[in-house]
Amino acid sequence: MMKNIPFSQVLTLREQIAYQPGQVVSRTLVQNESVSVTLFSFDKDEEISTHESGGDAFVTCLDGVGRITIDGVEYELHQGESIVMPARHPHAVYGKEQFKMLLVVIF
């Protein structure tokens, strides 16, 4: 079930999470054994360090510019762009500028 988001109204995802100075902020929308849907905001120069996931992770940039590293290769993500971080591959996310993203992980 969805949570932490308004129902039955038109909304803009990037407005559903705020930037916080010096922080990475997350807002979980769905979490179960099959799928995870989370909004993230990264202040400039904040990051989630290298890790692996048990599912394929689909990232869509909602605002700003982020750097996604997958298997040591860096990709720059701008508003409206997406990338898939494959399951069980090391990856990291860095706010090159302030950066908001939608993360959907399929397990």
N, C-alpha and C. Protein backbone atom coordinates (compact mmCIF):
# COMPACT_ATOMS: atom_id res chain seq x y z
N MET A 1 0.83 -1.18 0.00
CA MET A 1 0.00 0.00 0.00
C MET A 1 0.88 1.25 0.00
N MET A 2 0.42 2.26 -0.67
CA MET A 2 1.12 3.55 -0.70
C MET A 2 0.95 4.26 0.65
N LYS A 3 1.95 5.06 1.00
CA LYS A 3 1.88 5.86 2.22
C LYS A 3 2.69 7.13 2.02
N ASN A 4 2.51 8.08 2.91
CA ASN A 4 3.30 9.32 2.93
C ASN A 4 3.17 10.19 1.68
N ILE A 5 2.03 10.07 1.00
CA ILE A 5 1.80 10.87 -0.21
C ILE A 5 0.29 11.10 -0.35
N PRO A 6 -0.12 12.26 -0.83
CA PRO A 6 -1.55 12.53 -0.99
C PRO A 6 -2.19 11.60 -2.03
N PHE A 7 -3.41 11.20 -1.78
CA PHE A 7 -4.16 10.36 -2.71
C PHE A 7 -5.17 11.22 -3.48
N SER A 8 -5.54 10.76 -4.65
CA SER A 8 -6.62 11.34 -5.47
C SER A 8 -6.45 12.82 -5.72
N GLN A 9 -5.20 13.22 -6.01
CA GLN A 9 -4.95 14.60 -6.41
C GLN A 9 -3.70 14.65 -7.28
N VAL A 10 -3.70 15.60 -8.19
CA VAL A 10 -2.54 15.79 -9.06
C VAL A 10 -1.43 16.42 -8.23
N LEU A 11 -0.22 15.89 -8.35
CA LEU A 11 0.89 16.45 -7.58
C LEU A 11 2.18 16.40 -8.40
N THR A 12 3.15 17.13 -7.95
CA THR A 12 4.48 17.14 -8.55
C THR A 12 5.41 16.44 -7.58
N LEU A 13 6.02 15.34 -8.00
CA LEU A 13 6.83 14.54 -7.08
C LEU A 13 7.96 15.33 -6.43
N ARG A 14 8.62 16.20 -7.18
CA ARG A 14 9.76 16.93 -6.60
C ARG A 14 9.33 17.86 -5.47
N GLU A 15 8.05 18.20 -5.42
CA GLU A 15 7.54 19.05 -4.34
C GLU A 15 7.15 18.25 -3.10
N GLN A 16 7.23 16.92 -3.18
CA GLN A 16 6.84 16.07 -2.06
C GLN A 16 7.98 15.78 -1.09
N ILE A 17 9.16 16.32 -1.38
CA ILE A 17 10.31 16.17 -0.49
C ILE A 17 11.13 17.45 -0.55
N ALA A 18 11.63 17.89 0.60
CA ALA A 18 12.38 19.14 0.68
C ALA A 18 13.88 18.88 0.84
N TYR A 19 14.67 19.85 0.44
CA TYR A 19 16.10 19.83 0.73
C TYR A 19 16.33 20.21 2.18
N GLN A 20 17.33 19.59 2.80
CA GLN A 20 17.76 19.95 4.14
C GLN A 20 19.27 20.18 4.08
N PRO A 21 19.75 21.29 4.62
CA PRO A 21 21.19 21.58 4.56
C PRO A 21 22.03 20.43 5.14
N GLY A 22 23.03 20.00 4.34
CA GLY A 22 23.97 18.99 4.79
C GLY A 22 23.40 17.59 4.96
N GLN A 23 22.26 17.31 4.31
CA GLN A 23 21.62 16.01 4.53
C GLN A 23 21.15 15.34 3.25
N VAL A 24 20.98 14.03 3.37
CA VAL A 24 20.21 13.25 2.41
C VAL A 24 18.90 12.93 3.13
N VAL A 25 17.78 13.28 2.50
CA VAL A 25 16.46 13.06 3.09
C VAL A 25 15.73 12.03 2.24
N SER A 26 15.02 11.10 2.90
CA SER A 26 14.24 10.11 2.15
C SER A 26 12.80 10.10 2.65
N ARG A 27 11.90 9.73 1.75
CA ARG A 27 10.48 9.61 2.07
C ARG A 27 9.97 8.35 1.38
N THR A 28 9.71 7.31 2.17
CA THR A 28 9.26 6.03 1.64
C THR A 28 7.79 6.12 1.25
N LEU A 29 7.49 5.68 0.03
CA LEU A 29 6.12 5.66 -0.47
C LEU A 29 5.54 4.24 -0.47
N VAL A 30 6.38 3.25 -0.76
CA VAL A 30 5.99 1.84 -0.73
C VAL A 30 7.20 1.03 -0.28
N GLN A 31 6.97 0.03 0.58
CA GLN A 31 8.05 -0.87 1.00
C GLN A 31 7.44 -2.23 1.30
N ASN A 32 7.78 -3.24 0.47
CA ASN A 32 7.38 -4.61 0.75
C ASN A 32 8.40 -5.55 0.12
N GLU A 33 8.14 -6.86 0.12
CA GLU A 33 9.15 -7.80 -0.37
C GLU A 33 9.32 -7.76 -1.88
N SER A 34 8.41 -7.11 -2.60
CA SER A 34 8.47 -7.07 -4.07
C SER A 34 8.97 -5.75 -4.63
N VAL A 35 8.66 -4.65 -3.94
CA VAL A 35 8.97 -3.33 -4.49
C VAL A 35 9.23 -2.33 -3.36
N SER A 36 10.09 -1.38 -3.67
CA SER A 36 10.34 -0.25 -2.79
C SER A 36 10.30 1.02 -3.64
N VAL A 37 9.54 2.02 -3.20
CA VAL A 37 9.45 3.29 -3.91
C VAL A 37 9.77 4.39 -2.90
N THR A 38 10.82 5.17 -3.19
CA THR A 38 11.29 6.17 -2.24
C THR A 38 11.68 7.45 -2.96
N LEU A 39 11.30 8.59 -2.40
CA LEU A 39 11.79 9.89 -2.85
C LEU A 39 13.02 10.24 -2.04
N PHE A 40 14.02 10.84 -2.70
CA PHE A 40 15.24 11.28 -2.02
C PHE A 40 15.55 12.72 -2.41
N SER A 41 16.08 13.47 -1.46
CA SER A 41 16.70 14.77 -1.78
C SER A 41 18.11 14.76 -1.20
N PHE A 42 19.05 15.24 -1.98
CA PHE A 42 20.46 15.33 -1.59
C PHE A 42 20.86 16.79 -1.60
N ASP A 43 21.39 17.29 -0.50
CA ASP A 43 22.00 18.61 -0.56
C ASP A 43 23.28 18.49 -1.38
N LYS A 44 23.76 19.58 -1.90
CA LYS A 44 25.00 19.57 -2.70
C LYS A 44 26.12 18.90 -1.91
N ASP A 45 26.84 18.00 -2.57
CA ASP A 45 27.98 17.27 -2.02
C ASP A 45 27.61 16.20 -0.99
N GLU A 46 26.34 15.89 -0.83
CA GLU A 46 25.94 14.79 0.04
C GLU A 46 25.81 13.52 -0.81
N GLU A 47 25.94 12.35 -0.16
CA GLU A 47 25.95 11.12 -0.94
C GLU A 47 25.45 9.92 -0.15
N ILE A 48 25.10 8.89 -0.89
CA ILE A 48 24.92 7.55 -0.35
C ILE A 48 26.09 6.76 -0.91
N SER A 49 26.95 6.27 -0.01
CA SER A 49 28.19 5.63 -0.43
C SER A 49 27.93 4.29 -1.13
N THR A 50 28.97 3.74 -1.69
CA THR A 50 28.88 2.52 -2.49
C THR A 50 28.28 1.37 -1.69
N HIS A 51 27.28 0.73 -2.30
CA HIS A 51 26.60 -0.41 -1.70
C HIS A 51 25.98 -1.23 -2.83
N GLU A 52 25.35 -2.36 -2.49
CA GLU A 52 24.65 -3.18 -3.46
C GLU A 52 23.22 -3.39 -3.01
N SER A 53 22.34 -3.67 -3.96
CA SER A 53 20.93 -3.93 -3.68
C SER A 53 20.56 -5.30 -4.20
N GLY A 54 19.58 -5.92 -3.56
CA GLY A 54 19.10 -7.22 -4.00
C GLY A 54 18.13 -7.14 -5.16
N GLY A 55 17.77 -5.92 -5.58
CA GLY A 55 16.85 -5.74 -6.69
C GLY A 55 17.37 -4.73 -7.69
N ASP A 56 16.78 -4.73 -8.88
CA ASP A 56 17.11 -3.71 -9.88
C ASP A 56 16.53 -2.37 -9.41
N ALA A 57 17.35 -1.33 -9.47
CA ALA A 57 16.96 -0.02 -8.94
C ALA A 57 16.85 0.98 -10.10
N PHE A 58 15.64 1.48 -10.31
CA PHE A 58 15.35 2.45 -11.36
C PHE A 58 15.32 3.84 -10.74
N VAL A 59 16.20 4.73 -11.20
CA VAL A 59 16.32 6.08 -10.66
C VAL A 59 15.87 7.08 -11.71
N THR A 60 15.02 8.03 -11.30
CA THR A 60 14.63 9.14 -12.16
C THR A 60 14.96 10.44 -11.44
N CYS A 61 15.70 11.32 -12.11
CA CYS A 61 16.05 12.62 -11.56
C CYS A 61 14.83 13.54 -11.65
N LEU A 62 14.43 14.08 -10.51
CA LEU A 62 13.28 14.99 -10.44
C LEU A 62 13.70 16.45 -10.44
N ASP A 63 14.95 16.71 -10.00
CA ASP A 63 15.43 18.09 -9.86
C ASP A 63 16.94 18.07 -9.70
N GLY A 64 17.61 19.07 -10.23
CA GLY A 64 19.05 19.22 -10.01
C GLY A 64 19.89 18.29 -10.84
N VAL A 65 21.11 18.02 -10.33
CA VAL A 65 22.07 17.16 -11.03
C VAL A 65 22.68 16.20 -10.02
N GLY A 66 22.62 14.91 -10.35
CA GLY A 66 23.22 13.89 -9.50
C GLY A 66 24.24 13.09 -10.28
N ARG A 67 25.13 12.47 -9.53
CA ARG A 67 26.11 11.57 -10.13
C ARG A 67 25.84 10.16 -9.61
N ILE A 68 25.59 9.26 -10.52
CA ILE A 68 25.35 7.85 -10.20
C ILE A 68 26.58 7.08 -10.63
N THR A 69 27.13 6.28 -9.72
CA THR A 69 28.27 5.44 -10.04
C THR A 69 27.82 3.99 -9.98
N ILE A 70 28.05 3.26 -11.08
CA ILE A 70 27.69 1.85 -11.17
C ILE A 70 28.93 1.09 -11.62
N ASP A 71 29.35 0.11 -10.83
CA ASP A 71 30.55 -0.67 -11.16
C ASP A 71 31.74 0.23 -11.46
N GLY A 72 31.86 1.34 -10.73
CA GLY A 72 32.99 2.25 -10.88
C GLY A 72 32.87 3.24 -12.03
N VAL A 73 31.80 3.17 -12.82
CA VAL A 73 31.59 4.08 -13.95
C VAL A 73 30.61 5.17 -13.51
N GLU A 74 30.99 6.44 -13.74
CA GLU A 74 30.15 7.57 -13.32
C GLU A 74 29.22 8.02 -14.45
N TYR A 75 27.97 8.32 -14.06
CA TYR A 75 26.96 8.84 -14.98
C TYR A 75 26.36 10.09 -14.35
N GLU A 76 26.16 11.12 -15.15
CA GLU A 76 25.53 12.35 -14.66
C GLU A 76 24.06 12.32 -15.05
N LEU A 77 23.19 12.59 -14.08
CA LEU A 77 21.76 12.52 -14.28
C LEU A 77 21.15 13.90 -14.08
N HIS A 78 20.39 14.36 -15.07
CA HIS A 78 19.72 15.66 -15.03
C HIS A 78 18.20 15.46 -14.97
N GLN A 79 17.49 16.52 -14.64
CA GLN A 79 16.04 16.46 -14.51
C GLN A 79 15.41 15.77 -15.71
N GLY A 80 14.55 14.78 -15.43
CA GLY A 80 13.85 14.05 -16.48
C GLY A 80 14.58 12.83 -16.99
N GLU A 81 15.84 12.65 -16.60
CA GLU A 81 16.63 11.50 -17.05
C GLU A 81 16.55 10.36 -16.02
N SER A 82 16.73 9.13 -16.52
CA SER A 82 16.66 7.94 -15.67
C SER A 82 17.81 7.01 -15.97
N ILE A 83 18.07 6.12 -15.01
CA ILE A 83 19.09 5.08 -15.18
C ILE A 83 18.69 3.90 -14.31
N VAL A 84 19.11 2.70 -14.72
CA VAL A 84 18.88 1.49 -13.92
C VAL A 84 20.20 1.04 -13.32
N MET A 85 20.19 0.86 -12.01
CA MET A 85 21.34 0.29 -11.30
C MET A 85 21.01 -1.19 -11.09
N PRO A 86 21.72 -2.09 -11.79
CA PRO A 86 21.36 -3.51 -11.73
C PRO A 86 21.58 -4.11 -10.34
N ALA A 87 20.75 -5.09 -10.02
CA ALA A 87 20.87 -5.81 -8.76
C ALA A 87 22.27 -6.40 -8.60
N ARG A 88 22.75 -6.38 -7.37
CA ARG A 88 24.03 -6.99 -6.98
C ARG A 88 25.24 -6.40 -7.68
N HIS A 89 25.13 -5.15 -8.14
CA HIS A 89 26.27 -4.43 -8.69
C HIS A 89 26.53 -3.23 -7.76
N PRO A 90 27.78 -2.97 -7.42
CA PRO A 90 28.05 -1.83 -6.54
C PRO A 90 27.67 -0.51 -7.20
N HIS A 91 26.99 0.34 -6.42
CA HIS A 91 26.58 1.64 -6.93
C HIS A 91 26.56 2.66 -5.79
N ALA A 92 26.60 3.94 -6.18
CA ALA A 92 26.58 5.04 -5.23
C ALA A 92 25.83 6.21 -5.88
N VAL A 93 25.35 7.14 -5.03
CA VAL A 93 24.62 8.31 -5.52
C VAL A 93 25.19 9.54 -4.82
N TYR A 94 25.46 10.59 -5.61
CA TYR A 94 26.10 11.81 -5.09
C TYR A 94 25.36 13.04 -5.64
N GLY A 95 25.11 14.00 -4.78
CA GLY A 95 24.49 15.25 -5.21
C GLY A 95 25.54 16.21 -5.75
N LYS A 96 25.72 16.20 -7.07
CA LYS A 96 26.68 17.12 -7.69
C LYS A 96 26.23 18.56 -7.47
N GLU A 97 24.93 18.76 -7.52
CA GLU A 97 24.24 19.98 -7.08
C GLU A 97 23.16 19.47 -6.15
N GLN A 98 22.29 20.32 -5.65
CA GLN A 98 21.12 19.79 -4.98
C GLN A 98 20.42 18.90 -5.99
N PHE A 99 19.89 17.76 -5.50
CA PHE A 99 19.43 16.71 -6.39
C PHE A 99 18.27 15.97 -5.74
N LYS A 100 17.17 15.83 -6.48
CA LYS A 100 16.04 15.02 -6.03
C LYS A 100 15.83 13.88 -7.00
N MET A 101 15.49 12.70 -6.44
CA MET A 101 15.28 11.55 -7.30
C MET A 101 14.16 10.68 -6.77
N LEU A 102 13.56 9.93 -7.68
CA LEU A 102 12.61 8.88 -7.36
C LEU A 102 13.35 7.56 -7.57
N LEU A 103 13.33 6.71 -6.55
CA LEU A 103 13.97 5.40 -6.62
C LEU A 103 12.90 4.33 -6.54
N VAL A 104 12.87 3.45 -7.56
CA VAL A 104 11.97 2.30 -7.57
C VAL A 104 12.84 1.06 -7.65
N VAL A 105 12.78 0.22 -6.62
CA VAL A 105 13.56 -1.03 -6.60
C VAL A 105 12.59 -2.19 -6.73
N ILE A 106 12.87 -3.06 -7.70
CA ILE A 106 12.07 -4.26 -7.93
C ILE A 106 12.89 -5.47 -7.49
N PHE A 107 12.33 -6.21 -6.55
CA PHE A 107 13.03 -7.39 -5.99
C PHE A 107 12.55 -8.67 -6.64
